[in-house]
């Protein structure tokens, strides 16, 4: 199995092929969806996509980490992290190799 990366261009091409909009319109729609998801996450909202999963931004507290090479303690600043939780439907598709739907 080759490991390819899905890009914005791939998504726009899929919309073009399956929906029949022009390539420019397809690209605009993909950009609009991605922008909406990003904006909602920046605003602290949870994004739930049925049968796919949910995206959420969580706050992580600062802590003391350790440099694995030197063993030196290093402070890790508080930060926000993005968490993805796959739906059971997506997990089942991945485990069963089912590409339908």
PDB file of N, CA and C in Angstrom:
ATOM      1  N   UNK A   1       0.849  -1.173   0.000  1.00  0.00           N
ATOM      2  CA  UNK A   1       0.000   0.000   0.000  1.00  0.00           C
ATOM      3  C   UNK A   1       0.895   1.235   0.000  1.00  0.00           C
ATOM      4  N   UNK A   2       0.664   2.142  -0.948  1.00  0.00           N
ATOM      5  CA  UNK A   2       1.434   3.385  -0.984  1.00  0.00           C
ATOM      6  C   UNK A   2       0.790   4.401  -0.060  1.00  0.00           C
ATOM      7  N   UNK A   3       1.620   5.236   0.521  1.00  0.00           N
ATOM      8  CA  UNK A   3       1.120   6.259   1.439  1.00  0.00           C
ATOM      9  C   UNK A   3       1.128   7.602   0.729  1.00  0.00           C
ATOM     10  N   UNK A   4      -0.056   8.023   0.303  1.00  0.00           N
ATOM     11  CA  UNK A   4      -0.212   9.323  -0.322  1.00  0.00           C
ATOM     12  C   UNK A   4      -0.820  10.285   0.683  1.00  0.00           C
ATOM     13  N   UNK A   5      -0.756  11.548   0.377  1.00  0.00           N
ATOM     14  CA  UNK A   5      -1.333  12.568   1.233  1.00  0.00           C
ATOM     15  C   UNK A   5      -2.502  13.207   0.521  1.00  0.00           C
ATOM     16  N   UNK A   6      -3.619  13.316   1.221  1.00  0.00           N
ATOM     17  CA  UNK A   6      -4.787  13.996   0.674  1.00  0.00           C
ATOM     18  C   UNK A   6      -4.579  15.496   0.834  1.00  0.00           C
ATOM     19  N   UNK A   7      -4.711  16.232  -0.267  1.00  0.00           N
ATOM     20  CA  UNK A   7      -4.491  17.680  -0.252  1.00  0.00           C
ATOM     21  C   UNK A   7      -5.786  18.430  -0.551  1.00  0.00           C
ATOM     22  N   UNK A   8      -5.737  19.740  -0.384  1.00  0.00           N
ATOM     23  CA  UNK A   8      -6.883  20.586  -0.751  1.00  0.00           C
ATOM     24  C   UNK A   8      -7.226  20.394  -2.221  1.00  0.00           C
ATOM     25  N   UNK A   9      -6.199  20.305  -3.044  1.00  0.00           N
ATOM     26  CA  UNK A   9      -6.415  20.121  -4.487  1.00  0.00           C
ATOM     27  C   UNK A   9      -7.130  18.794  -4.752  1.00  0.00           C
ATOM     28  N   UNK A  10      -6.765  17.731  -4.022  1.00  0.00           N
ATOM     29  CA  UNK A  10      -7.439  16.438  -4.172  1.00  0.00           C
ATOM     30  C   UNK A  10      -8.913  16.546  -3.780  1.00  0.00           C
ATOM     31  N   UNK A  11      -9.180  17.250  -2.681  1.00  0.00           N
ATOM     32  CA  UNK A  11     -10.560  17.434  -2.240  1.00  0.00           C
ATOM     33  C   UNK A  11     -11.362  18.221  -3.282  1.00  0.00           C
ATOM     34  N   UNK A  12     -10.785  19.290  -3.793  1.00  0.00           N
ATOM     35  CA  UNK A  12     -11.461  20.096  -4.807  1.00  0.00           C
ATOM     36  C   UNK A  12     -11.723  19.271  -6.067  1.00  0.00           C
ATOM     37  N   UNK A  13     -10.780  18.443  -6.449  1.00  0.00           N
ATOM     38  CA  UNK A  13     -10.952  17.584  -7.628  1.00  0.00           C
ATOM     39  C   UNK A  13     -12.064  16.566  -7.395  1.00  0.00           C
ATOM     40  N   UNK A  14     -12.147  16.024  -6.183  1.00  0.00           N
ATOM     41  CA  UNK A  14     -13.213  15.069  -5.859  1.00  0.00           C
ATOM     42  C   UNK A  14     -14.584  15.743  -5.932  1.00  0.00           C
ATOM     43  N   UNK A  15     -14.680  16.975  -5.427  1.00  0.00           N
ATOM     44  CA  UNK A  15     -15.943  17.721  -5.515  1.00  0.00           C
ATOM     45  C   UNK A  15     -16.280  17.970  -6.981  1.00  0.00           C
ATOM     46  N   UNK A  16     -15.290  18.358  -7.752  1.00  0.00           N
ATOM     47  CA  UNK A  16     -15.488  18.596  -9.188  1.00  0.00           C
ATOM     48  C   UNK A  16     -16.021  17.340  -9.881  1.00  0.00           C
ATOM     49  N   UNK A  17     -15.394  16.195  -9.602  1.00  0.00           N
ATOM     50  CA  UNK A  17     -15.775  14.936 -10.253  1.00  0.00           C
ATOM     51  C   UNK A  17     -17.156  14.455  -9.812  1.00  0.00           C
ATOM     52  N   UNK A  18     -17.460  14.576  -8.520  1.00  0.00           N
ATOM     53  CA  UNK A  18     -18.688  13.984  -7.994  1.00  0.00           C
ATOM     54  C   UNK A  18     -19.890  14.915  -8.040  1.00  0.00           C
ATOM     55  N   UNK A  19     -19.670  16.221  -7.927  1.00  0.00           N
ATOM     56  CA  UNK A  19     -20.792  17.155  -7.871  1.00  0.00           C
ATOM     57  C   UNK A  19     -21.024  17.826  -9.219  1.00  0.00           C
ATOM     58  N   UNK A  20     -19.959  18.025  -9.967  1.00  0.00           N
ATOM     59  CA  UNK A  20     -20.117  18.611 -11.288  1.00  0.00           C
ATOM     60  C   UNK A  20     -19.996  20.124 -11.336  1.00  0.00           C
ATOM     61  N   UNK A  21     -19.551  20.736 -10.243  1.00  0.00           N
ATOM     62  CA  UNK A  21     -19.284  22.173 -10.275  1.00  0.00           C
ATOM     63  C   UNK A  21     -18.005  22.408 -11.068  1.00  0.00           C
ATOM     64  N   UNK A  22     -17.752  23.649 -11.419  1.00  0.00           N
ATOM     65  CA  UNK A  22     -16.490  23.947 -12.094  1.00  0.00           C
ATOM     66  C   UNK A  22     -15.338  23.711 -11.115  1.00  0.00           C
ATOM     67  N   UNK A  23     -14.146  23.615 -11.654  1.00  0.00           N
ATOM     68  CA  UNK A  23     -12.985  23.407 -10.777  1.00  0.00           C
ATOM     69  C   UNK A  23     -12.815  24.577  -9.804  1.00  0.00           C
ATOM     70  N   UNK A  24     -13.033  25.795 -10.280  1.00  0.00           N
ATOM     71  CA  UNK A  24     -12.901  26.967  -9.407  1.00  0.00           C
ATOM     72  C   UNK A  24     -13.967  26.960  -8.322  1.00  0.00           C
ATOM     73  N   UNK A  25     -15.203  26.650  -8.686  1.00  0.00           N
ATOM     74  CA  UNK A  25     -16.279  26.586  -7.694  1.00  0.00           C
ATOM     75  C   UNK A  25     -16.011  25.484  -6.672  1.00  0.00           C
ATOM     76  N   UNK A  26     -15.530  24.346  -7.149  1.00  0.00           N
ATOM     77  CA  UNK A  26     -15.217  23.233  -6.256  1.00  0.00           C
ATOM     78  C   UNK A  26     -14.143  23.631  -5.262  1.00  0.00           C
ATOM     79  N   UNK A  27     -13.112  24.300  -5.752  1.00  0.00           N
ATOM     80  CA  UNK A  27     -12.033  24.760  -4.891  1.00  0.00           C
ATOM     81  C   UNK A  27     -12.551  25.771  -3.867  1.00  0.00           C
ATOM     82  N   UNK A  28     -13.412  26.671  -4.315  1.00  0.00           N
ATOM     83  CA  UNK A  28     -13.988  27.675  -3.407  1.00  0.00           C
ATOM     84  C   UNK A  28     -14.812  27.012  -2.299  1.00  0.00           C
ATOM     85  N   UNK A  29     -15.566  25.993  -2.637  1.00  0.00           N
ATOM     86  CA  UNK A  29     -16.376  25.292  -1.638  1.00  0.00           C
ATOM     87  C   UNK A  29     -15.506  24.565  -0.619  1.00  0.00           C
ATOM     88  N   UNK A  30     -14.463  23.909  -1.084  1.00  0.00           N
ATOM     89  CA  UNK A  30     -13.539  23.228  -0.168  1.00  0.00           C
ATOM     90  C   UNK A  30     -12.900  24.250   0.769  1.00  0.00           C
ATOM     91  N   UNK A  31     -12.449  25.370   0.222  1.00  0.00           N
ATOM     92  CA  UNK A  31     -11.829  26.417   1.040  1.00  0.00           C
ATOM     93  C   UNK A  31     -12.820  26.951   2.074  1.00  0.00           C
ATOM     94  N   UNK A  32     -14.087  27.131   1.669  1.00  0.00           N
ATOM     95  CA  UNK A  32     -15.103  27.654   2.587  1.00  0.00           C
ATOM     96  C   UNK A  32     -15.352  26.678   3.743  1.00  0.00           C
ATOM     97  N   UNK A  33     -15.422  25.397   3.448  1.00  0.00           N
ATOM     98  CA  UNK A  33     -15.646  24.392   4.497  1.00  0.00           C
ATOM     99  C   UNK A  33     -14.465  24.365   5.463  1.00  0.00           C
ATOM    100  N   UNK A  34     -13.255  24.341   4.927  1.00  0.00           N
ATOM    101  CA  UNK A  34     -12.067  24.300   5.785  1.00  0.00           C
ATOM    102  C   UNK A  34     -11.944  25.571   6.628  1.00  0.00           C
ATOM    103  N   UNK A  35     -12.273  26.712   6.051  1.00  0.00           N
ATOM    104  CA  UNK A  35     -12.226  27.973   6.795  1.00  0.00           C
ATOM    105  C   UNK A  35     -13.248  27.966   7.927  1.00  0.00           C
ATOM    106  N   UNK A  36     -14.435  27.464   7.669  1.00  0.00           N
ATOM    107  CA  UNK A  36     -15.477  27.414   8.700  1.00  0.00           C
ATOM    108  C   UNK A  36     -15.051  26.501   9.851  1.00  0.00           C
ATOM    109  N   UNK A  37     -14.498  25.345   9.519  1.00  0.00           N
ATOM    110  CA  UNK A  37     -14.016  24.424  10.560  1.00  0.00           C
ATOM    111  C   UNK A  37     -12.921  25.103  11.380  1.00  0.00           C
ATOM    112  N   UNK A  38     -11.952  25.702  10.710  1.00  0.00           N
ATOM    113  CA  UNK A  38     -10.837  26.368  11.400  1.00  0.00           C
ATOM    114  C   UNK A  38     -11.327  27.492  12.305  1.00  0.00           C
ATOM    115  N   UNK A  39     -12.226  28.320  11.789  1.00  0.00           N
ATOM    116  CA  UNK A  39     -12.736  29.449  12.572  1.00  0.00           C
ATOM    117  C   UNK A  39     -13.479  28.977  13.811  1.00  0.00           C
ATOM    118  N   UNK A  40     -14.271  27.938  13.675  1.00  0.00           N
ATOM    119  CA  UNK A  40     -15.007  27.417  14.827  1.00  0.00           C
ATOM    120  C   UNK A  40     -14.049  26.879  15.887  1.00  0.00           C
ATOM    121  N   UNK A  41     -12.990  26.199  15.457  1.00  0.00           N
ATOM    122  CA  UNK A  41     -12.006  25.671  16.407  1.00  0.00           C
ATOM    123  C   UNK A  41     -11.265  26.803  17.110  1.00  0.00           C
ATOM    124  N   UNK A  42     -10.888  27.835  16.369  1.00  0.00           N
ATOM    125  CA  UNK A  42     -10.209  28.991  16.961  1.00  0.00           C
ATOM    126  C   UNK A  42     -11.095  29.640  18.017  1.00  0.00           C
ATOM    127  N   UNK A  43     -12.408  29.652  17.764  1.00  0.00           N
ATOM    128  CA  UNK A  43     -13.365  30.232  18.709  1.00  0.00           C
ATOM    129  C   UNK A  43     -13.652  29.322  19.900  1.00  0.00           C
ATOM    130  N   UNK A  44     -13.026  28.158  19.929  1.00  0.00           N
ATOM    131  CA  UNK A  44     -13.195  27.248  21.066  1.00  0.00           C
ATOM    132  C   UNK A  44     -14.372  26.296  20.950  1.00  0.00           C
ATOM    133  N   UNK A  45     -15.000  26.243  19.794  1.00  0.00           N
ATOM    134  CA  UNK A  45     -16.135  25.349  19.602  1.00  0.00           C
ATOM    135  C   UNK A  45     -15.649  23.947  19.222  1.00  0.00           C
ATOM    136  N   UNK A  46     -16.486  22.959  19.493  1.00  0.00           N
ATOM    137  CA  UNK A  46     -16.236  21.591  19.055  1.00  0.00           C
ATOM    138  C   UNK A  46     -16.875  21.418  17.688  1.00  0.00           C
ATOM    139  N   UNK A  47     -16.164  20.771  16.768  1.00  0.00           N
ATOM    140  CA  UNK A  47     -16.687  20.502  15.433  1.00  0.00           C
ATOM    141  C   UNK A  47     -16.994  19.010  15.355  1.00  0.00           C
ATOM    142  N   UNK A  48     -18.273  18.682  15.137  1.00  0.00           N
ATOM    143  CA  UNK A  48     -18.694  17.286  15.017  1.00  0.00           C
ATOM    144  C   UNK A  48     -19.190  17.047  13.606  1.00  0.00           C
ATOM    145  N   UNK A  49     -18.605  16.046  12.956  1.00  0.00           N
ATOM    146  CA  UNK A  49     -19.013  15.676  11.613  1.00  0.00           C
ATOM    147  C   UNK A  49     -19.546  14.252  11.696  1.00  0.00           C
ATOM    148  N   UNK A  50     -20.838  14.111  11.472  1.00  0.00           N
ATOM    149  CA  UNK A  50     -21.518  12.825  11.616  1.00  0.00           C
ATOM    150  C   UNK A  50     -20.814  11.735  10.803  1.00  0.00           C
ATOM    151  N   UNK A  51     -20.658  10.575  11.395  1.00  0.00           N
ATOM    152  CA  UNK A  51     -20.039   9.395  10.780  1.00  0.00           C
ATOM    153  C   UNK A  51     -18.557   9.588  10.460  1.00  0.00           C
ATOM    154  N   UNK A  52     -17.966  10.673  10.933  1.00  0.00           N
ATOM    155  CA  UNK A  52     -16.540  10.920  10.705  1.00  0.00           C
ATOM    156  C   UNK A  52     -15.811  11.083  12.032  1.00  0.00           C
ATOM    157  N   UNK A  53     -16.194  12.095  12.818  1.00  0.00           N
ATOM    158  CA  UNK A  53     -15.553  12.298  14.108  1.00  0.00           C
ATOM    159  C   UNK A  53     -15.733  13.715  14.593  1.00  0.00           C
ATOM    160  N   UNK A  54     -15.022  14.028  15.664  1.00  0.00           N
ATOM    161  CA  UNK A  54     -15.118  15.373  16.227  1.00  0.00           C
ATOM    162  C   UNK A  54     -13.725  15.944  16.450  1.00  0.00           C
ATOM    163  N   UNK A  55     -13.643  17.251  16.297  1.00  0.00           N
ATOM    164  CA  UNK A  55     -12.411  17.999  16.517  1.00  0.00           C
ATOM    165  C   UNK A  55     -12.666  18.963  17.660  1.00  0.00           C
ATOM    166  N   UNK A  56     -11.688  19.072  18.547  1.00  0.00           N
ATOM    167  CA  UNK A  56     -11.850  19.943  19.705  1.00  0.00           C
ATOM    168  C   UNK A  56     -10.489  20.504  20.099  1.00  0.00           C
ATOM    169  N   UNK A  57     -10.490  21.754  20.540  1.00  0.00           N
ATOM    170  CA  UNK A  57      -9.271  22.371  21.049  1.00  0.00           C
ATOM    171  C   UNK A  57      -9.289  22.235  22.568  1.00  0.00           C
ATOM    172  N   UNK A  58      -8.200  21.736  23.127  1.00  0.00           N
ATOM    173  CA  UNK A  58      -8.090  21.582  24.577  1.00  0.00           C
ATOM    174  C   UNK A  58      -6.903  22.392  25.074  1.00  0.00           C
ATOM    175  N   UNK A  59      -7.042  22.881  26.290  1.00  0.00           N
ATOM    176  CA  UNK A  59      -5.965  23.640  26.933  1.00  0.00           C
ATOM    177  C   UNK A  59      -5.082  22.668  27.708  1.00  0.00           C
ATOM    178  N   UNK A  60      -3.780  22.740  27.493  1.00  0.00           N
ATOM    179  CA  UNK A  60      -2.837  21.930  28.266  1.00  0.00           C
ATOM    180  C   UNK A  60      -2.071  22.859  29.199  1.00  0.00           C
ATOM    181  N   UNK A  61      -1.928  22.444  30.415  1.00  0.00           N
ATOM    182  CA  UNK A  61      -1.197  23.233  31.402  1.00  0.00           C
ATOM    183  C   UNK A  61       0.298  23.150  31.161  1.00  0.00           C
ATOM    184  N   UNK A  62       1.005  24.144  31.662  1.00  0.00           N
ATOM    185  CA  UNK A  62       2.456  24.111  31.597  1.00  0.00           C
ATOM    186  C   UNK A  62       2.989  23.018  32.508  1.00  0.00           C
ATOM    187  N   UNK A  63       4.161  22.529  32.194  1.00  0.00           N
ATOM    188  CA  UNK A  63       4.769  21.479  33.020  1.00  0.00           C
ATOM    189  C   UNK A  63       6.269  21.465  32.774  1.00  0.00           C
ATOM    190  N   UNK A  64       6.943  20.659  33.540  1.00  0.00           N
ATOM    191  CA  UNK A  64       8.384  20.484  33.353  1.00  0.00           C
ATOM    192  C   UNK A  64       8.605  19.207  32.547  1.00  0.00           C
ATOM    193  N   UNK A  65       9.280  19.358  31.407  1.00  0.00           N
ATOM    194  CA  UNK A  65       9.630  18.209  30.573  1.00  0.00           C
ATOM    195  C   UNK A  65      11.107  17.896  30.731  1.00  0.00           C
ATOM    196  N   UNK A  66      11.557  16.915  29.994  1.00  0.00           N
ATOM    197  CA  UNK A  66      12.949  16.512  30.081  1.00  0.00           C
ATOM    198  C   UNK A  66      13.492  16.294  28.677  1.00  0.00           C
ATOM    199  N   UNK A  67      14.658  16.877  28.402  1.00  0.00           N
ATOM    200  CA  UNK A  67      15.341  16.659  27.133  1.00  0.00           C
ATOM    201  C   UNK A  67      15.817  15.208  27.109  1.00  0.00           C
ATOM    202  N   UNK A  68      15.355  14.397  26.151  1.00  0.00           N
ATOM    203  CA  UNK A  68      15.724  12.978  26.151  1.00  0.00           C
ATOM    204  C   UNK A  68      17.212  12.721  25.933  1.00  0.00           C
ATOM    205  N   UNK A  69      17.903  13.632  25.262  1.00  0.00           N
ATOM    206  CA  UNK A  69      19.333  13.425  25.018  1.00  0.00           C
ATOM    207  C   UNK A  69      20.176  13.748  26.248  1.00  0.00           C
ATOM    208  N   UNK A  70      19.869  14.875  26.894  1.00  0.00           N
ATOM    209  CA  UNK A  70      20.730  15.330  27.991  1.00  0.00           C
ATOM    210  C   UNK A  70      20.141  15.062  29.365  1.00  0.00           C
ATOM    211  N   UNK A  71      18.826  14.795  29.417  1.00  0.00           N
ATOM    212  CA  UNK A  71      18.180  14.597  30.708  1.00  0.00           C
ATOM    213  C   UNK A  71      17.882  15.911  31.420  1.00  0.00           C
ATOM    214  N   UNK A  72      18.224  17.022  30.779  1.00  0.00           N
ATOM    215  CA  UNK A  72      18.008  18.343  31.375  1.00  0.00           C
ATOM    216  C   UNK A  72      16.521  18.668  31.433  1.00  0.00           C
ATOM    217  N   UNK A  73      16.094  19.238  32.568  1.00  0.00           N
ATOM    218  CA  UNK A  73      14.698  19.642  32.706  1.00  0.00           C
ATOM    219  C   UNK A  73      14.448  20.914  31.902  1.00  0.00           C
ATOM    220  N   UNK A  74      13.306  20.932  31.209  1.00  0.00           N
ATOM    221  CA  UNK A  74      12.956  22.063  30.351  1.00  0.00           C
ATOM    222  C   UNK A  74      11.496  22.425  30.611  1.00  0.00           C
ATOM    223  N   UNK A  75      11.201  23.707  30.842  1.00  0.00           N
ATOM    224  CA  UNK A  75       9.791  24.088  31.035  1.00  0.00           C
ATOM    225  C   UNK A  75       9.019  24.014  29.716  1.00  0.00           C
ATOM    226  N   UNK A  76       7.812  23.460  29.781  1.00  0.00           N
ATOM    227  CA  UNK A  76       6.918  23.420  28.629  1.00  0.00           C
ATOM    228  C   UNK A  76       5.769  24.368  28.937  1.00  0.00           C
ATOM    229  N   UNK A  77       5.600  25.364  28.101  1.00  0.00           N
ATOM    230  CA  UNK A  77       4.594  26.400  28.322  1.00  0.00           C
ATOM    231  C   UNK A  77       3.169  25.863  28.128  1.00  0.00           C
ATOM    232  N   UNK A  78       2.204  26.492  28.789  1.00  0.00           N
ATOM    233  CA  UNK A  78       0.804  26.125  28.542  1.00  0.00           C
ATOM    234  C   UNK A  78       0.476  26.374  27.070  1.00  0.00           C
ATOM    235  N   UNK A  79      -0.398  25.556  26.513  1.00  0.00           N
ATOM    236  CA  UNK A  79      -0.729  25.713  25.098  1.00  0.00           C
ATOM    237  C   UNK A  79      -2.075  25.081  24.804  1.00  0.00           C
ATOM    238  N   UNK A  80      -2.600  25.392  23.641  1.00  0.00           N
ATOM    239  CA  UNK A  80      -3.829  24.777  23.163  1.00  0.00           C
ATOM    240  C   UNK A  80      -3.461  23.711  22.140  1.00  0.00           C
ATOM    241  N   UNK A  81      -4.124  22.566  22.207  1.00  0.00           N
ATOM    242  CA  UNK A  81      -3.840  21.476  21.274  1.00  0.00           C
ATOM    243  C   UNK A  81      -5.131  21.034  20.603  1.00  0.00           C
ATOM    244  N   UNK A  82      -5.014  20.559  19.388  1.00  0.00           N
ATOM    245  CA  UNK A  82      -6.156  20.055  18.642  1.00  0.00           C
ATOM    246  C   UNK A  82      -6.268  18.550  18.857  1.00  0.00           C
ATOM    247  N   UNK A  83      -7.480  18.098  19.201  1.00  0.00           N
ATOM    248  CA  UNK A  83      -7.726  16.682  19.447  1.00  0.00           C
ATOM    249  C   UNK A  83      -8.789  16.196  18.475  1.00  0.00           C
ATOM    250  N   UNK A  84      -8.517  15.076  17.809  1.00  0.00           N
ATOM    251  CA  UNK A  84      -9.497  14.456  16.924  1.00  0.00           C
ATOM    252  C   UNK A  84      -9.932  13.144  17.526  1.00  0.00           C
ATOM    253  N   UNK A  85     -11.238  12.945  17.583  1.00  0.00           N
ATOM    254  CA  UNK A  85     -11.789  11.680  18.057  1.00  0.00           C
ATOM    255  C   UNK A  85     -12.631  11.098  16.931  1.00  0.00           C
ATOM    256  N   UNK A  86     -12.193   9.963  16.400  1.00  0.00           N
ATOM    257  CA  UNK A  86     -12.897   9.324  15.288  1.00  0.00           C
ATOM    258  C   UNK A  86     -14.210   8.710  15.760  1.00  0.00           C
ATOM    259  N   UNK A  87     -15.223   8.764  14.890  1.00  0.00           N
ATOM    260  CA  UNK A  87     -16.509   8.147  15.210  1.00  0.00           C
ATOM    261  C   UNK A  87     -16.375   6.624  15.100  1.00  0.00           C
ATOM    262  N   UNK A  88     -17.327   5.926  15.693  1.00  0.00           N
ATOM    263  CA  UNK A  88     -17.320   4.457  15.593  1.00  0.00           C
ATOM    264  C   UNK A  88     -17.509   4.020  14.143  1.00  0.00           C
ATOM    265  N   UNK A  89     -18.284   4.787  13.377  1.00  0.00           N
ATOM    266  CA  UNK A  89     -18.498   4.460  11.965  1.00  0.00           C
ATOM    267  C   UNK A  89     -17.171   4.509  11.216  1.00  0.00           C
ATOM    268  N   UNK A  90     -16.381   5.556  11.426  1.00  0.00           N
ATOM    269  CA  UNK A  90     -15.083   5.683  10.766  1.00  0.00           C
ATOM    270  C   UNK A  90     -14.125   4.591  11.233  1.00  0.00           C
ATOM    271  N   UNK A  91     -14.108   4.326  12.533  1.00  0.00           N
ATOM    272  CA  UNK A  91     -13.244   3.255  13.055  1.00  0.00           C
ATOM    273  C   UNK A  91     -13.583   1.914  12.421  1.00  0.00           C
ATOM    274  N   UNK A  92     -14.880   1.635  12.286  1.00  0.00           N
ATOM    275  CA  UNK A  92     -15.310   0.376  11.661  1.00  0.00           C
ATOM    276  C   UNK A  92     -14.873   0.310  10.207  1.00  0.00           C
ATOM    277  N   UNK A  93     -15.011   1.434   9.475  1.00  0.00           N
ATOM    278  CA  UNK A  93     -14.583   1.467   8.074  1.00  0.00           C
ATOM    279  C   UNK A  93     -13.087   1.186   7.956  1.00  0.00           C
ATOM    280  N   UNK A  94     -12.307   1.805   8.831  1.00  0.00           N
ATOM    281  CA  UNK A  94     -10.854   1.637   8.785  1.00  0.00           C
ATOM    282  C   UNK A  94     -10.483   0.188   9.086  1.00  0.00           C
ATOM    283  N   UNK A  95     -11.103  -0.386  10.101  1.00  0.00           N
ATOM    284  CA  UNK A  95     -10.770  -1.748  10.504  1.00  0.00           C
ATOM    285  C   UNK A  95     -11.272  -2.804   9.528  1.00  0.00           C
ATOM    286  N   UNK A  96     -12.344  -2.504   8.787  1.00  0.00           N
ATOM    287  CA  UNK A  96     -12.897  -3.467   7.845  1.00  0.00           C
ATOM    288  C   UNK A  96     -12.464  -3.201   6.411  1.00  0.00           C
ATOM    289  N   UNK A  97     -11.710  -2.122   6.197  1.00  0.00           N
ATOM    290  CA  UNK A  97     -11.247  -1.782   4.859  1.00  0.00           C
ATOM    291  C   UNK A  97     -12.378  -1.395   3.923  1.00  0.00           C
ATOM    292  N   UNK A  98     -13.483  -0.906   4.482  1.00  0.00           N
ATOM    293  CA  UNK A  98     -14.659  -0.534   3.695  1.00  0.00           C
ATOM    294  C   UNK A  98     -14.547   0.904   3.248  1.00  0.00           C
ATOM    295  N   UNK A  99     -14.453   1.123   1.921  1.00  0.00           N
ATOM    296  CA  UNK A  99     -14.299   2.480   1.382  1.00  0.00           C
ATOM    297  C   UNK A  99     -15.629   3.086   0.990  1.00  0.00           C
ATOM    298  N   UNK A 100     -16.712   2.396   1.150  1.00  0.00           N
ATOM    299  CA  UNK A 100     -18.023   2.894   0.729  1.00  0.00           C
ATOM    300  C   UNK A 100     -18.540   3.930   1.684  1.00  0.00           C
ATOM    301  N   UNK A 101     -19.467   4.767   1.196  1.00  0.00           N
ATOM    302  CA  UNK A 101     -20.163   5.731   2.038  1.00  0.00           C
ATOM    303  C   UNK A 101     -19.457   6.973   2.126  1.00  0.00           C
TER     304      UNK A 101
END
